Amino acid sequence: MPYHIKKPGIPTNAGIGDIYYTGGSLWDEDYANRKVYSSKSTADARIVNTDGRNGAFNGASVVSE
C-alpha cells in the first residue's frame, strides 16, 4: 500500500488546507506532486525528529492512499 506525508498549511487561517511533502525540503498544495512511499516505515522514518533538527515535519503525518 502506498503512503505519503501531509501536514496542515501554515497559517491555517489562510485557507491553504493540507500541504504534501514532495521531497528534499519542498512542500506543495497540489496532491498530485506528493512523494509516494512504498512502505509506511520508510515514510515514518522521514518525519522522525529525535534531535529537533527536522522542524519542517512538525505536525506532519503519514497517510495511506
C-alpha atoms as a PDB file:
ATOM      1  CA  MET A   1       0.000   0.000   0.000  1.00  0.00           C
ATOM      2  CA  PRO A   2       1.441   3.436  -0.890  1.00  0.00           C
ATOM      3  CA  TYR A   3       1.853   6.238   1.655  1.00  0.00           C
ATOM      4  CA  HIS A   4       2.552   9.968   1.600  1.00  0.00           C
ATOM      5  CA  ILE A   5       3.295  12.723   4.131  1.00  0.00           C
ATOM      6  CA  LYS A   6       0.996  15.669   4.707  1.00  0.00           C
ATOM      7  CA  LYS A   7       0.547  18.498   7.208  1.00  0.00           C
ATOM      8  CA  PRO A   8      -1.721  21.500   7.627  1.00  0.00           C
ATOM      9  CA  GLY A   9      -0.725  24.554   5.619  1.00  0.00           C
ATOM     10  CA  ILE A  10       0.521  27.484   7.691  1.00  0.00           C
ATOM     11  CA  PRO A  11      -1.142  29.735   8.541  1.00  0.00           C
ATOM     12  CA  THR A  12      -4.236  27.565   8.685  1.00  0.00           C
ATOM     13  CA  ASN A  13      -6.479  30.626   8.517  1.00  0.00           C
ATOM     14  CA  ALA A  14      -5.136  31.442   5.039  1.00  0.00           C
ATOM     15  CA  GLY A  15      -7.349  28.775   3.507  1.00  0.00           C
ATOM     16  CA  ILE A  16      -4.395  26.767   2.204  1.00  0.00           C
ATOM     17  CA  GLY A  17      -5.586  23.433   3.607  1.00  0.00           C
ATOM     18  CA  ASP A  18      -3.189  20.489   3.662  1.00  0.00           C
ATOM     19  CA  ILE A  19       0.216  20.552   2.012  1.00  0.00           C
ATOM     20  CA  TYR A  20       2.103  17.487   0.790  1.00  0.00           C
ATOM     21  CA  TYR A  21       5.775  16.602   1.044  1.00  0.00           C
ATOM     22  CA  THR A  22       7.360  16.442  -2.414  1.00  0.00           C
ATOM     23  CA  GLY A  23      10.971  15.654  -1.497  1.00  0.00           C
ATOM     24  CA  GLY A  24      14.070  17.451  -0.295  1.00  0.00           C
ATOM     25  CA  SER A  25      12.855  20.474   1.644  1.00  0.00           C
ATOM     26  CA  LEU A  26       9.817  21.113  -0.552  1.00  0.00           C
ATOM     27  CA  TRP A  27       6.082  21.022   0.172  1.00  0.00           C
ATOM     28  CA  ASP A  28       3.222  21.651  -2.264  1.00  0.00           C
ATOM     29  CA  GLU A  29      -0.533  22.252  -2.086  1.00  0.00           C
ATOM     30  CA  ASP A  30      -1.028  20.025  -5.149  1.00  0.00           C
ATOM     31  CA  TYR A  31      -1.794  16.432  -4.129  1.00  0.00           C
ATOM     32  CA  ALA A  32      -0.512  15.180  -7.495  1.00  0.00           C
ATOM     33  CA  ASN A  33       3.021  16.396  -6.682  1.00  0.00           C
ATOM     34  CA  ARG A  34       3.345  14.427  -3.415  1.00  0.00           C
ATOM     35  CA  LYS A  35       6.204  11.995  -2.867  1.00  0.00           C
ATOM     36  CA  VAL A  36       4.850   8.450  -2.599  1.00  0.00           C
ATOM     37  CA  TYR A  37       6.466   5.836  -0.349  1.00  0.00           C
ATOM     38  CA  SER A  38       6.022   2.118  -0.836  1.00  0.00           C
ATOM     39  CA  SER A  39       6.098   1.357   2.897  1.00  0.00           C
ATOM     40  CA  LYS A  40       4.806   3.113   5.994  1.00  0.00           C
ATOM     41  CA  SER A  41       8.089   2.518   7.832  1.00  0.00           C
ATOM     42  CA  THR A  42      10.041   4.473   5.189  1.00  0.00           C
ATOM     43  CA  ALA A  43       7.649   7.418   5.401  1.00  0.00           C
ATOM     44  CA  ASP A  44       7.641   7.281   9.221  1.00  0.00           C
ATOM     45  CA  ALA A  45      11.450   7.352   9.244  1.00  0.00           C
ATOM     46  CA  ARG A  46      11.417  10.527   7.131  1.00  0.00           C
ATOM     47  CA  ILE A  47       9.392  12.534   9.656  1.00  0.00           C
ATOM     48  CA  VAL A  48      11.333  11.466  12.775  1.00  0.00           C
ATOM     49  CA  ASN A  49      12.586  14.458  14.746  1.00  0.00           C
ATOM     50  CA  THR A  50      14.543  12.998  17.666  1.00  0.00           C
ATOM     51  CA  ASP A  51      17.241  15.697  17.672  1.00  0.00           C
ATOM     52  CA  GLY A  52      14.997  18.692  16.944  1.00  0.00           C
ATOM     53  CA  ARG A  53      16.634  19.415  13.582  1.00  0.00           C
ATOM     54  CA  ASN A  54      13.768  18.184  11.410  1.00  0.00           C
ATOM     55  CA  GLY A  55      11.369  21.031  12.192  1.00  0.00           C
ATOM     56  CA  ALA A  56       9.762  21.158   8.760  1.00  0.00           C
ATOM     57  CA  PHE A  57       7.945  17.943   9.645  1.00  0.00           C
ATOM     58  CA  ASN A  58       6.332  19.321  12.838  1.00  0.00           C
ATOM     59  CA  GLY A  59       2.643  18.487  12.617  1.00  0.00           C
ATOM     60  CA  ALA A  60       3.186  16.110   9.695  1.00  0.00           C
ATOM     61  CA  SER A  61       1.543  12.710   9.464  1.00  0.00           C
ATOM     62  CA  VAL A  62       1.913   9.653   7.276  1.00  0.00           C
ATOM     63  CA  VAL A  63      -1.244   8.796   5.347  1.00  0.00           C
ATOM     64  CA  SER A  64      -2.130   5.666   3.401  1.00  0.00           C
ATOM     65  CA  GLU A  65      -3.536   6.140  -0.080  1.00  0.00           C
END
